Amino acid sequence: MKARRMGKPAGGEAAALLTDGGTASRVRGILALGGVPWDQLDDGLQHVRLKLLEARAAPGAREIRDPQAWLAVVASRVACDWHRGRARDEALRERLVSRWARRPPEVSEEHQVLAIAVAGELDSLSLRQRQMVSLRFYADLPVSTIAELLEIPEGTVKSRLHSTVAALRRRLQEKEVI
């Protein structure tokens, strides 16, 4: 048996712990006590191994004095990180579900008739007018972006939008929709 000086482990001792079955079992046990599910213990063990490799590869890295204790601390931190990630995922899931679960506001029959009439009048517009109205009012793009997309000056977009909306309003008033 090789003798070693106290306080300084042999150079490869920390690396040997990566493949030691007893140490791997202890790390899995710490992860399990930390609340990591059974089916994810091997992933947790891999995270601990990765942390060990990162610690050894860091510039100016010193030898780990007590590798067993270091692995225990890292395993408990990995378990905490797992809980934080799980809580973050659950919060995100709840926010998404609450958004999807909301019912759209009740639309009155009057609004439905108006929407159908506007859609019909949009079909009667030229392609350029329809593009501008769709980009401005349905896609909610600013005038500057519409001007860039259609490769025309902003002033032209503003004047065409104004005249198109005025024409739509006039047509809808003639049909007594508004």
N, C-alpha and C. Protein backbone atom coordinates (compact mmCIF):
# COMPACT_ATOMS: atom_id res chain seq x y z
N MET A 1 0.84 -1.17 0.00
CA MET A 1 0.00 0.00 0.00
C MET A 1 0.89 1.24 0.00
N LYS A 2 0.49 2.21 -0.83
CA LYS A 2 1.29 3.43 -0.95
C LYS A 2 1.02 4.34 0.25
N ALA A 3 2.07 4.91 0.75
CA ALA A 3 1.90 5.88 1.83
C ALA A 3 1.75 7.26 1.21
N ARG A 4 0.99 8.08 1.86
CA ARG A 4 0.85 9.45 1.37
C ARG A 4 0.90 10.40 2.55
N ARG A 5 1.25 11.61 2.24
CA ARG A 5 1.36 12.60 3.30
C ARG A 5 -0.03 13.11 3.66
N MET A 6 -0.22 13.45 4.89
CA MET A 6 -1.51 13.96 5.35
C MET A 6 -1.79 15.31 4.70
N GLY A 7 -3.05 15.55 4.36
CA GLY A 7 -3.46 16.83 3.80
C GLY A 7 -3.29 16.94 2.31
N LYS A 8 -2.50 16.06 1.70
CA LYS A 8 -2.31 16.13 0.26
C LYS A 8 -2.65 14.79 -0.36
N PRO A 9 -3.84 14.67 -0.96
CA PRO A 9 -4.20 13.41 -1.57
C PRO A 9 -3.36 13.18 -2.82
N ALA A 10 -3.27 11.92 -3.17
CA ALA A 10 -2.55 11.59 -4.40
C ALA A 10 -3.22 12.28 -5.56
N GLY A 11 -2.48 12.63 -6.58
CA GLY A 11 -2.98 13.42 -7.70
C GLY A 11 -4.22 12.87 -8.36
N GLY A 12 -4.35 11.57 -8.47
CA GLY A 12 -5.49 11.01 -9.18
C GLY A 12 -6.61 10.55 -8.29
N GLU A 13 -6.55 10.86 -6.99
CA GLU A 13 -7.58 10.35 -6.07
C GLU A 13 -8.96 10.90 -6.41
N ALA A 14 -9.04 12.20 -6.70
CA ALA A 14 -10.33 12.78 -7.03
C ALA A 14 -10.87 12.18 -8.32
N ALA A 15 -9.98 11.96 -9.28
CA ALA A 15 -10.41 11.38 -10.55
C ALA A 15 -10.84 9.93 -10.37
N ALA A 16 -10.17 9.22 -9.46
CA ALA A 16 -10.53 7.83 -9.23
C ALA A 16 -11.92 7.71 -8.61
N LEU A 17 -12.34 8.75 -7.90
CA LEU A 17 -13.67 8.72 -7.29
C LEU A 17 -14.78 8.69 -8.33
N LEU A 18 -14.46 9.15 -9.54
CA LEU A 18 -15.48 9.16 -10.60
C LEU A 18 -15.92 7.75 -10.95
N THR A 19 -15.03 6.80 -10.82
CA THR A 19 -15.37 5.44 -11.22
C THR A 19 -15.58 4.51 -10.04
N ASP A 20 -15.37 5.00 -8.83
CA ASP A 20 -15.55 4.19 -7.63
C ASP A 20 -17.04 3.93 -7.41
N GLY A 21 -17.44 2.67 -7.37
CA GLY A 21 -18.84 2.31 -7.19
C GLY A 21 -19.42 2.77 -5.88
N GLY A 22 -18.63 2.68 -4.80
CA GLY A 22 -19.11 3.11 -3.48
C GLY A 22 -19.37 4.60 -3.44
N THR A 23 -18.47 5.37 -4.04
CA THR A 23 -18.65 6.82 -4.07
C THR A 23 -19.84 7.19 -4.93
N ALA A 24 -19.99 6.54 -6.06
CA ALA A 24 -21.15 6.81 -6.92
C ALA A 24 -22.44 6.51 -6.17
N SER A 25 -22.46 5.44 -5.40
CA SER A 25 -23.65 5.11 -4.61
C SER A 25 -23.92 6.17 -3.56
N ARG A 26 -22.85 6.67 -2.91
CA ARG A 26 -23.03 7.74 -1.92
C ARG A 26 -23.58 9.00 -2.56
N VAL A 27 -23.06 9.35 -3.73
CA VAL A 27 -23.54 10.55 -4.43
C VAL A 27 -25.01 10.37 -4.81
N ARG A 28 -25.36 9.19 -5.33
CA ARG A 28 -26.77 8.92 -5.65
C ARG A 28 -27.64 9.02 -4.39
N GLY A 29 -27.12 8.53 -3.26
CA GLY A 29 -27.87 8.60 -2.01
C GLY A 29 -28.10 10.04 -1.57
N ILE A 30 -27.08 10.88 -1.71
CA ILE A 30 -27.23 12.29 -1.35
C ILE A 30 -28.25 12.96 -2.27
N LEU A 31 -28.18 12.63 -3.55
CA LEU A 31 -29.15 13.19 -4.49
C LEU A 31 -30.57 12.74 -4.14
N ALA A 32 -30.72 11.46 -3.81
CA ALA A 32 -32.04 10.93 -3.45
C ALA A 32 -32.56 11.59 -2.18
N LEU A 33 -31.69 11.77 -1.17
CA LEU A 33 -32.09 12.45 0.05
C LEU A 33 -32.45 13.91 -0.23
N GLY A 34 -31.83 14.46 -1.26
CA GLY A 34 -32.14 15.83 -1.67
C GLY A 34 -33.43 15.95 -2.45
N GLY A 35 -34.07 14.82 -2.74
CA GLY A 35 -35.37 14.86 -3.40
C GLY A 35 -35.34 14.65 -4.90
N VAL A 36 -34.20 14.31 -5.44
CA VAL A 36 -34.13 14.05 -6.88
C VAL A 36 -34.81 12.70 -7.14
N PRO A 37 -35.71 12.64 -8.12
CA PRO A 37 -36.41 11.37 -8.39
C PRO A 37 -35.44 10.25 -8.78
N TRP A 38 -35.84 9.04 -8.48
CA TRP A 38 -35.02 7.86 -8.70
C TRP A 38 -34.55 7.75 -10.15
N ASP A 39 -35.44 8.04 -11.09
CA ASP A 39 -35.08 7.88 -12.50
C ASP A 39 -34.12 8.97 -12.99
N GLN A 40 -33.86 9.99 -12.18
CA GLN A 40 -32.95 11.06 -12.60
C GLN A 40 -31.65 11.08 -11.80
N LEU A 41 -31.43 10.05 -10.98
CA LEU A 41 -30.22 10.01 -10.16
C LEU A 41 -28.96 9.89 -11.00
N ASP A 42 -29.03 9.10 -12.08
CA ASP A 42 -27.84 8.96 -12.94
C ASP A 42 -27.50 10.29 -13.61
N ASP A 43 -28.52 11.06 -13.99
CA ASP A 43 -28.25 12.39 -14.56
C ASP A 43 -27.58 13.28 -13.52
N GLY A 44 -28.06 13.20 -12.28
CA GLY A 44 -27.45 13.98 -11.20
C GLY A 44 -26.00 13.58 -10.97
N LEU A 45 -25.74 12.28 -11.01
CA LEU A 45 -24.37 11.79 -10.86
C LEU A 45 -23.49 12.33 -11.97
N GLN A 46 -24.01 12.38 -13.18
CA GLN A 46 -23.24 12.92 -14.30
C GLN A 46 -22.93 14.40 -14.08
N HIS A 47 -23.90 15.15 -13.51
CA HIS A 47 -23.66 16.57 -13.22
C HIS A 47 -22.53 16.72 -12.21
N VAL A 48 -22.54 15.87 -11.18
CA VAL A 48 -21.47 15.93 -10.18
C VAL A 48 -20.13 15.61 -10.82
N ARG A 49 -20.10 14.61 -11.66
CA ARG A 49 -18.85 14.26 -12.36
C ARG A 49 -18.37 15.41 -13.23
N LEU A 50 -19.31 16.05 -13.91
CA LEU A 50 -18.96 17.19 -14.76
C LEU A 50 -18.37 18.32 -13.92
N LYS A 51 -18.97 18.59 -12.77
CA LYS A 51 -18.45 19.64 -11.88
C LYS A 51 -17.03 19.32 -11.43
N LEU A 52 -16.78 18.04 -11.15
CA LEU A 52 -15.43 17.63 -10.74
C LEU A 52 -14.44 17.86 -11.87
N LEU A 53 -14.82 17.48 -13.08
CA LEU A 53 -13.93 17.70 -14.23
C LEU A 53 -13.69 19.18 -14.47
N GLU A 54 -14.75 19.99 -14.32
CA GLU A 54 -14.59 21.44 -14.50
C GLU A 54 -13.66 22.02 -13.44
N ALA A 55 -13.80 21.53 -12.20
CA ALA A 55 -12.97 22.04 -11.11
C ALA A 55 -11.51 21.69 -11.35
N ARG A 56 -11.26 20.51 -11.87
CA ARG A 56 -9.87 20.08 -12.12
C ARG A 56 -9.27 20.79 -13.33
N ALA A 57 -10.12 21.15 -14.31
CA ALA A 57 -9.62 21.76 -15.54
C ALA A 57 -9.49 23.27 -15.43
N ALA A 58 -10.01 23.87 -14.37
CA ALA A 58 -9.97 25.32 -14.24
C ALA A 58 -8.52 25.78 -14.11
N PRO A 59 -8.17 26.92 -14.73
CA PRO A 59 -6.80 27.42 -14.63
C PRO A 59 -6.47 27.75 -13.17
N GLY A 60 -5.33 27.32 -12.73
CA GLY A 60 -4.90 27.57 -11.36
C GLY A 60 -5.64 26.72 -10.33
N ALA A 61 -6.24 25.62 -10.79
CA ALA A 61 -7.01 24.77 -9.89
C ALA A 61 -6.10 24.09 -8.89
N ARG A 62 -6.55 24.09 -7.64
CA ARG A 62 -5.80 23.39 -6.61
C ARG A 62 -6.40 22.01 -6.42
N GLU A 63 -5.60 21.14 -5.86
CA GLU A 63 -6.08 19.79 -5.59
C GLU A 63 -7.17 19.85 -4.53
N ILE A 64 -8.20 19.06 -4.70
CA ILE A 64 -9.29 19.02 -3.74
C ILE A 64 -8.79 18.30 -2.49
N ARG A 65 -8.90 18.99 -1.35
CA ARG A 65 -8.34 18.45 -0.12
C ARG A 65 -9.07 17.20 0.35
N ASP A 66 -10.40 17.26 0.41
CA ASP A 66 -11.19 16.11 0.86
C ASP A 66 -12.21 15.80 -0.24
N PRO A 67 -11.85 14.95 -1.19
CA PRO A 67 -12.73 14.68 -2.33
C PRO A 67 -14.11 14.14 -1.94
N GLN A 68 -14.16 13.32 -0.90
CA GLN A 68 -15.46 12.77 -0.47
C GLN A 68 -16.40 13.88 -0.01
N ALA A 69 -15.88 14.78 0.81
CA ALA A 69 -16.68 15.90 1.30
C ALA A 69 -17.07 16.83 0.15
N TRP A 70 -16.12 17.07 -0.75
CA TRP A 70 -16.38 17.94 -1.89
C TRP A 70 -17.51 17.36 -2.74
N LEU A 71 -17.45 16.06 -3.01
CA LEU A 71 -18.50 15.43 -3.80
C LEU A 71 -19.85 15.49 -3.10
N ALA A 72 -19.87 15.36 -1.78
CA ALA A 72 -21.12 15.44 -1.03
C ALA A 72 -21.73 16.83 -1.14
N VAL A 73 -20.89 17.85 -1.02
CA VAL A 73 -21.38 19.23 -1.13
C VAL A 73 -21.91 19.50 -2.53
N VAL A 74 -21.16 19.08 -3.52
CA VAL A 74 -21.58 19.31 -4.91
C VAL A 74 -22.88 18.55 -5.19
N ALA A 75 -23.01 17.33 -4.70
CA ALA A 75 -24.23 16.55 -4.92
C ALA A 75 -25.42 17.25 -4.28
N SER A 76 -25.25 17.81 -3.10
CA SER A 76 -26.37 18.51 -2.46
C SER A 76 -26.73 19.78 -3.24
N ARG A 77 -25.73 20.45 -3.80
CA ARG A 77 -26.00 21.64 -4.62
C ARG A 77 -26.72 21.25 -5.92
N VAL A 78 -26.34 20.13 -6.50
CA VAL A 78 -27.02 19.66 -7.71
C VAL A 78 -28.49 19.36 -7.39
N ALA A 79 -28.74 18.77 -6.23
CA ALA A 79 -30.13 18.48 -5.82
C ALA A 79 -30.91 19.79 -5.66
N CYS A 80 -30.28 20.80 -5.05
CA CYS A 80 -30.95 22.11 -4.90
C CYS A 80 -31.24 22.72 -6.27
N ASP A 81 -30.27 22.63 -7.16
CA ASP A 81 -30.48 23.16 -8.52
C ASP A 81 -31.61 22.42 -9.22
N TRP A 82 -31.73 21.12 -8.99
CA TRP A 82 -32.82 20.36 -9.59
C TRP A 82 -34.15 20.88 -9.10
N HIS A 83 -34.25 21.16 -7.78
CA HIS A 83 -35.50 21.69 -7.22
C HIS A 83 -35.82 23.07 -7.78
N ARG A 84 -34.80 23.92 -7.90
CA ARG A 84 -35.02 25.26 -8.46
C ARG A 84 -35.52 25.16 -9.89
N GLY A 85 -34.89 24.30 -10.67
CA GLY A 85 -35.31 24.12 -12.06
C GLY A 85 -36.72 23.59 -12.16
N ARG A 86 -37.05 22.65 -11.28
CA ARG A 86 -38.41 22.08 -11.27
C ARG A 86 -39.44 23.14 -10.90
N ALA A 87 -39.14 23.95 -9.88
CA ALA A 87 -40.05 25.02 -9.47
C ALA A 87 -40.21 26.04 -10.59
N ARG A 88 -39.11 26.37 -11.27
CA ARG A 88 -39.17 27.32 -12.38
C ARG A 88 -40.02 26.76 -13.52
N ASP A 89 -39.85 25.48 -13.83
CA ASP A 89 -40.63 24.84 -14.88
C ASP A 89 -42.12 24.79 -14.53
N GLU A 90 -42.42 24.49 -13.26
CA GLU A 90 -43.82 24.44 -12.84
C GLU A 90 -44.47 25.82 -12.92
N ALA A 91 -43.74 26.85 -12.50
CA ALA A 91 -44.28 28.21 -12.57
C ALA A 91 -44.54 28.61 -14.03
N LEU A 92 -43.61 28.27 -14.91
CA LEU A 92 -43.80 28.57 -16.32
C LEU A 92 -45.00 27.81 -16.88
N ARG A 93 -45.10 26.54 -16.51
CA ARG A 93 -46.22 25.72 -16.98
C ARG A 93 -47.55 26.31 -16.50
N GLU A 94 -47.61 26.75 -15.25
CA GLU A 94 -48.84 27.35 -14.72
C GLU A 94 -49.20 28.63 -15.46
N ARG A 95 -48.19 29.46 -15.76
CA ARG A 95 -48.46 30.70 -16.50
C ARG A 95 -49.00 30.39 -17.89
N LEU A 96 -48.40 29.41 -18.56
CA LEU A 96 -48.86 29.06 -19.91
C LEU A 96 -50.27 28.50 -19.88
N VAL A 97 -50.53 27.62 -18.92
CA VAL A 97 -51.87 27.03 -18.82
C VAL A 97 -52.90 28.11 -18.52
N SER A 98 -52.56 29.05 -17.64
CA SER A 98 -53.52 30.10 -17.32
C SER A 98 -53.80 30.98 -18.53
N ARG A 99 -52.80 31.19 -19.36
CA ARG A 99 -53.04 31.99 -20.57
C ARG A 99 -53.92 31.24 -21.56
N TRP A 100 -53.64 29.93 -21.71
CA TRP A 100 -54.41 29.15 -22.67
C TRP A 100 -55.81 28.87 -22.16
N ALA A 101 -55.97 28.82 -20.85
CA ALA A 101 -57.26 28.47 -20.29
C ALA A 101 -58.25 29.64 -20.36
N ARG A 102 -57.74 30.84 -20.50
CA ARG A 102 -58.63 32.00 -20.57
C ARG A 102 -59.53 31.90 -21.79
N ARG A 103 -60.74 32.20 -21.56
CA ARG A 103 -61.68 32.22 -22.70
C ARG A 103 -61.56 33.57 -23.39
N PRO A 104 -61.72 33.57 -24.68
CA PRO A 104 -61.72 34.87 -25.36
C PRO A 104 -62.94 35.67 -24.91
N PRO A 105 -62.84 36.97 -24.92
CA PRO A 105 -63.99 37.77 -24.46
C PRO A 105 -65.21 37.48 -25.33
N GLU A 106 -66.34 37.55 -24.70
CA GLU A 106 -67.58 37.33 -25.44
C GLU A 106 -67.73 38.41 -26.50
N VAL A 107 -67.97 37.98 -27.70
CA VAL A 107 -68.12 38.91 -28.82
C VAL A 107 -69.60 39.05 -29.12
N SER A 108 -70.04 40.29 -29.10
CA SER A 108 -71.46 40.52 -29.35
C SER A 108 -71.79 40.28 -30.83
N GLU A 109 -73.03 40.10 -31.09
CA GLU A 109 -73.48 39.88 -32.47
C GLU A 109 -73.16 41.09 -33.33
N GLU A 110 -73.23 42.26 -32.74
CA GLU A 110 -72.93 43.50 -33.46
C GLU A 110 -71.47 43.52 -33.91
N HIS A 111 -70.56 43.09 -33.03
CA HIS A 111 -69.14 43.04 -33.38
C HIS A 111 -68.87 41.99 -34.45
N GLN A 112 -69.60 40.89 -34.39
CA GLN A 112 -69.42 39.84 -35.39
C GLN A 112 -69.84 40.35 -36.76
N VAL A 113 -70.95 41.06 -36.82
CA VAL A 113 -71.43 41.62 -38.10
C VAL A 113 -70.41 42.62 -38.63
N LEU A 114 -69.87 43.45 -37.73
CA LEU A 114 -68.89 44.44 -38.14
C LEU A 114 -67.62 43.76 -38.66
N ALA A 115 -67.17 42.71 -37.99
CA ALA A 115 -65.97 41.99 -38.42
C ALA A 115 -66.16 41.37 -39.81
N ILE A 116 -67.31 40.82 -40.06
CA ILE A 116 -67.61 40.22 -41.37
C ILE A 116 -67.64 41.30 -42.44
N ALA A 117 -68.25 42.44 -42.13
CA ALA A 117 -68.34 43.53 -43.10
C ALA A 117 -66.94 44.09 -43.41
N VAL A 118 -66.11 44.26 -42.39
CA VAL A 118 -64.75 44.77 -42.61
C VAL A 118 -63.95 43.78 -43.45
N ALA A 119 -64.08 42.49 -43.15
CA ALA A 119 -63.36 41.48 -43.94
C ALA A 119 -63.81 41.52 -45.40
N GLY A 120 -65.10 41.69 -45.63
CA GLY A 120 -65.60 41.79 -47.00
C GLY A 120 -65.06 43.01 -47.71
N GLU A 121 -64.97 44.12 -47.01
CA GLU A 121 -64.45 45.35 -47.62
C GLU A 121 -62.94 45.26 -47.84
N LEU A 122 -62.24 44.54 -46.98
CA LEU A 122 -60.80 44.36 -47.18
C LEU A 122 -60.53 43.62 -48.48
N ASP A 123 -61.40 42.69 -48.81
CA ASP A 123 -61.23 41.95 -50.07
C ASP A 123 -61.34 42.86 -51.28
N SER A 124 -62.08 43.96 -51.13
CA SER A 124 -62.27 44.86 -52.28
C SER A 124 -61.09 45.83 -52.45
N LEU A 125 -60.16 45.88 -51.49
CA LEU A 125 -59.01 46.78 -51.59
C LEU A 125 -57.96 46.20 -52.53
N SER A 126 -57.08 47.09 -53.00
CA SER A 126 -55.96 46.63 -53.82
C SER A 126 -54.98 45.86 -52.93
N LEU A 127 -54.08 45.13 -53.56
CA LEU A 127 -53.12 44.32 -52.81
C LEU A 127 -52.27 45.19 -51.88
N ARG A 128 -51.77 46.32 -52.38
CA ARG A 128 -50.92 47.22 -51.58
C ARG A 128 -51.70 47.77 -50.38
N GLN A 129 -52.95 48.19 -50.61
CA GLN A 129 -53.76 48.72 -49.52
C GLN A 129 -54.03 47.63 -48.47
N ARG A 130 -54.36 46.44 -48.94
CA ARG A 130 -54.64 45.32 -48.03
C ARG A 130 -53.40 44.98 -47.21
N GLN A 131 -52.23 45.00 -47.87
CA GLN A 131 -50.98 44.72 -47.15
C GLN A 131 -50.75 45.74 -46.04
N MET A 132 -50.89 47.01 -46.37
CA MET A 132 -50.64 48.06 -45.38
C MET A 132 -51.61 47.99 -44.22
N VAL A 133 -52.89 47.80 -44.50
CA VAL A 133 -53.89 47.72 -43.43
C VAL A 133 -53.63 46.48 -42.56
N SER A 134 -53.32 45.38 -43.18
CA SER A 134 -53.05 44.15 -42.42
C SER A 134 -51.82 44.30 -41.54
N LEU A 135 -50.75 44.87 -42.11
CA LEU A 135 -49.52 45.03 -41.34
C LEU A 135 -49.70 46.02 -40.19
N ARG A 136 -50.45 47.07 -40.43
CA ARG A 136 -50.61 48.10 -39.39
C ARG A 136 -51.60 47.69 -38.31
N PHE A 137 -52.76 47.21 -38.70
CA PHE A 137 -53.83 46.99 -37.71
C PHE A 137 -53.95 45.55 -37.23
N TYR A 138 -53.51 44.59 -38.01
CA TYR A 138 -53.60 43.19 -37.57
C TYR A 138 -52.27 42.69 -37.03
N ALA A 139 -51.16 43.03 -37.69
CA ALA A 139 -49.84 42.64 -37.20
C ALA A 139 -49.29 43.66 -36.21
N ASP A 140 -49.95 44.83 -36.12
CA ASP A 140 -49.59 45.88 -35.18
C ASP A 140 -48.14 46.35 -35.35
N LEU A 141 -47.71 46.48 -36.62
CA LEU A 141 -46.36 46.95 -36.90
C LEU A 141 -46.35 48.48 -36.97
N PRO A 142 -45.25 49.10 -36.57
CA PRO A 142 -45.16 50.56 -36.70
C PRO A 142 -45.00 50.96 -38.17
N VAL A 143 -45.32 52.21 -38.42
CA VAL A 143 -45.27 52.73 -39.79
C VAL A 143 -43.87 52.59 -40.38
N SER A 144 -42.84 52.84 -39.57
CA SER A 144 -41.47 52.75 -40.08
C SER A 144 -41.14 51.34 -40.58
N THR A 145 -41.60 50.32 -39.86
CA THR A 145 -41.35 48.94 -40.27
C THR A 145 -42.11 48.61 -41.55
N ILE A 146 -43.33 49.07 -41.65
CA ILE A 146 -44.13 48.84 -42.86
C ILE A 146 -43.44 49.48 -44.06
N ALA A 147 -42.93 50.71 -43.86
CA ALA A 147 -42.23 51.40 -44.94
C ALA A 147 -41.01 50.61 -45.40
N GLU A 148 -40.27 50.05 -44.45
CA GLU A 148 -39.10 49.23 -44.80
C GLU A 148 -39.52 47.98 -45.56
N LEU A 149 -40.55 47.31 -45.07
CA LEU A 149 -41.00 46.06 -45.71
C LEU A 149 -41.50 46.29 -47.13
N LEU A 150 -42.26 47.36 -47.33
CA LEU A 150 -42.82 47.64 -48.66
C LEU A 150 -41.91 48.50 -49.52
N GLU A 151 -40.78 48.93 -48.93
CA GLU A 151 -39.79 49.74 -49.63
C GLU A 151 -40.37 51.02 -50.22
N ILE A 152 -41.11 51.73 -49.37
CA ILE A 152 -41.68 53.03 -49.74
C ILE A 152 -41.46 53.99 -48.57
N PRO A 153 -41.52 55.30 -48.80
CA PRO A 153 -41.31 56.26 -47.72
C PRO A 153 -42.41 56.18 -46.66
N GLU A 154 -42.06 56.58 -45.41
CA GLU A 154 -43.02 56.55 -44.31
C GLU A 154 -44.21 57.45 -44.59
N GLY A 155 -43.95 58.60 -45.15
CA GLY A 155 -45.04 59.53 -45.46
C GLY A 155 -46.06 58.91 -46.41
N THR A 156 -45.58 58.14 -47.37
CA THR A 156 -46.47 57.46 -48.31
C THR A 156 -47.33 56.43 -47.57
N VAL A 157 -46.71 55.69 -46.64
CA VAL A 157 -47.47 54.70 -45.86
C VAL A 157 -48.56 55.40 -45.06
N LYS A 158 -48.20 56.51 -44.41
CA LYS A 158 -49.18 57.24 -43.59
C LYS A 158 -50.34 57.75 -44.43
N SER A 159 -50.02 58.36 -45.58
CA SER A 159 -51.11 58.92 -46.40
C SER A 159 -51.98 57.83 -47.00
N ARG A 160 -51.37 56.71 -47.42
CA ARG A 160 -52.16 55.61 -47.99
C ARG A 160 -53.04 54.95 -46.92
N LEU A 161 -52.49 54.80 -45.71
CA LEU A 161 -53.29 54.24 -44.62
C LEU A 161 -54.48 55.16 -44.30
N HIS A 162 -54.20 56.46 -44.25
CA HIS A 162 -55.27 57.42 -43.96
C HIS A 162 -56.38 57.35 -45.01
N SER A 163 -55.98 57.37 -46.27
CA SER A 163 -57.00 57.36 -47.33
C SER A 163 -57.72 56.00 -47.38
N THR A 164 -57.03 54.91 -47.12
CA THR A 164 -57.65 53.59 -47.15
C THR A 164 -58.65 53.44 -46.01
N VAL A 165 -58.26 53.86 -44.80
CA VAL A 165 -59.18 53.77 -43.66
C VAL A 165 -60.39 54.67 -43.89
N ALA A 166 -60.18 55.85 -44.45
CA ALA A 166 -61.30 56.75 -44.73
C ALA A 166 -62.25 56.11 -45.75
N ALA A 167 -61.69 55.48 -46.78
CA ALA A 167 -62.53 54.81 -47.79
C ALA A 167 -63.30 53.64 -47.18
N LEU A 168 -62.64 52.86 -46.33
CA LEU A 168 -63.33 51.74 -45.66
C LEU A 168 -64.47 52.25 -44.79
N ARG A 169 -64.20 53.30 -44.04
CA ARG A 169 -65.23 53.88 -43.17
C ARG A 169 -66.43 54.36 -43.99
N ARG A 170 -66.14 55.02 -45.12
CA ARG A 170 -67.21 55.53 -45.99
C ARG A 170 -68.06 54.39 -46.54
N ARG A 171 -67.40 53.32 -47.00
CA ARG A 171 -68.12 52.16 -47.55
C ARG A 171 -68.98 51.50 -46.49
N LEU A 172 -68.45 51.37 -45.29
CA LEU A 172 -69.23 50.74 -44.22
C LEU A 172 -70.40 51.61 -43.79
N GLN A 173 -70.22 52.92 -43.84
CA GLN A 173 -71.32 53.82 -43.52
C GLN A 173 -72.41 53.76 -44.59
N GLU A 174 -71.99 53.62 -45.86
CA GLU A 174 -72.97 53.50 -46.95
C GLU A 174 -73.81 52.25 -46.78
N LYS A 175 -73.18 51.19 -46.30
CA LYS A 175 -73.89 49.91 -46.11
C LYS A 175 -74.61 49.88 -44.76
N GLU A 176 -74.50 51.00 -44.03
CA GLU A 176 -75.12 51.17 -42.71
C GLU A 176 -74.68 50.11 -41.71
N VAL A 177 -73.41 49.73 -41.82
CA VAL A 177 -72.84 48.80 -40.85
C VAL A 177 -72.36 49.57 -39.63
N ILE A 178 -71.81 50.80 -39.88
CA ILE A 178 -71.39 51.64 -38.74
C ILE A 178 -72.12 52.95 -38.77
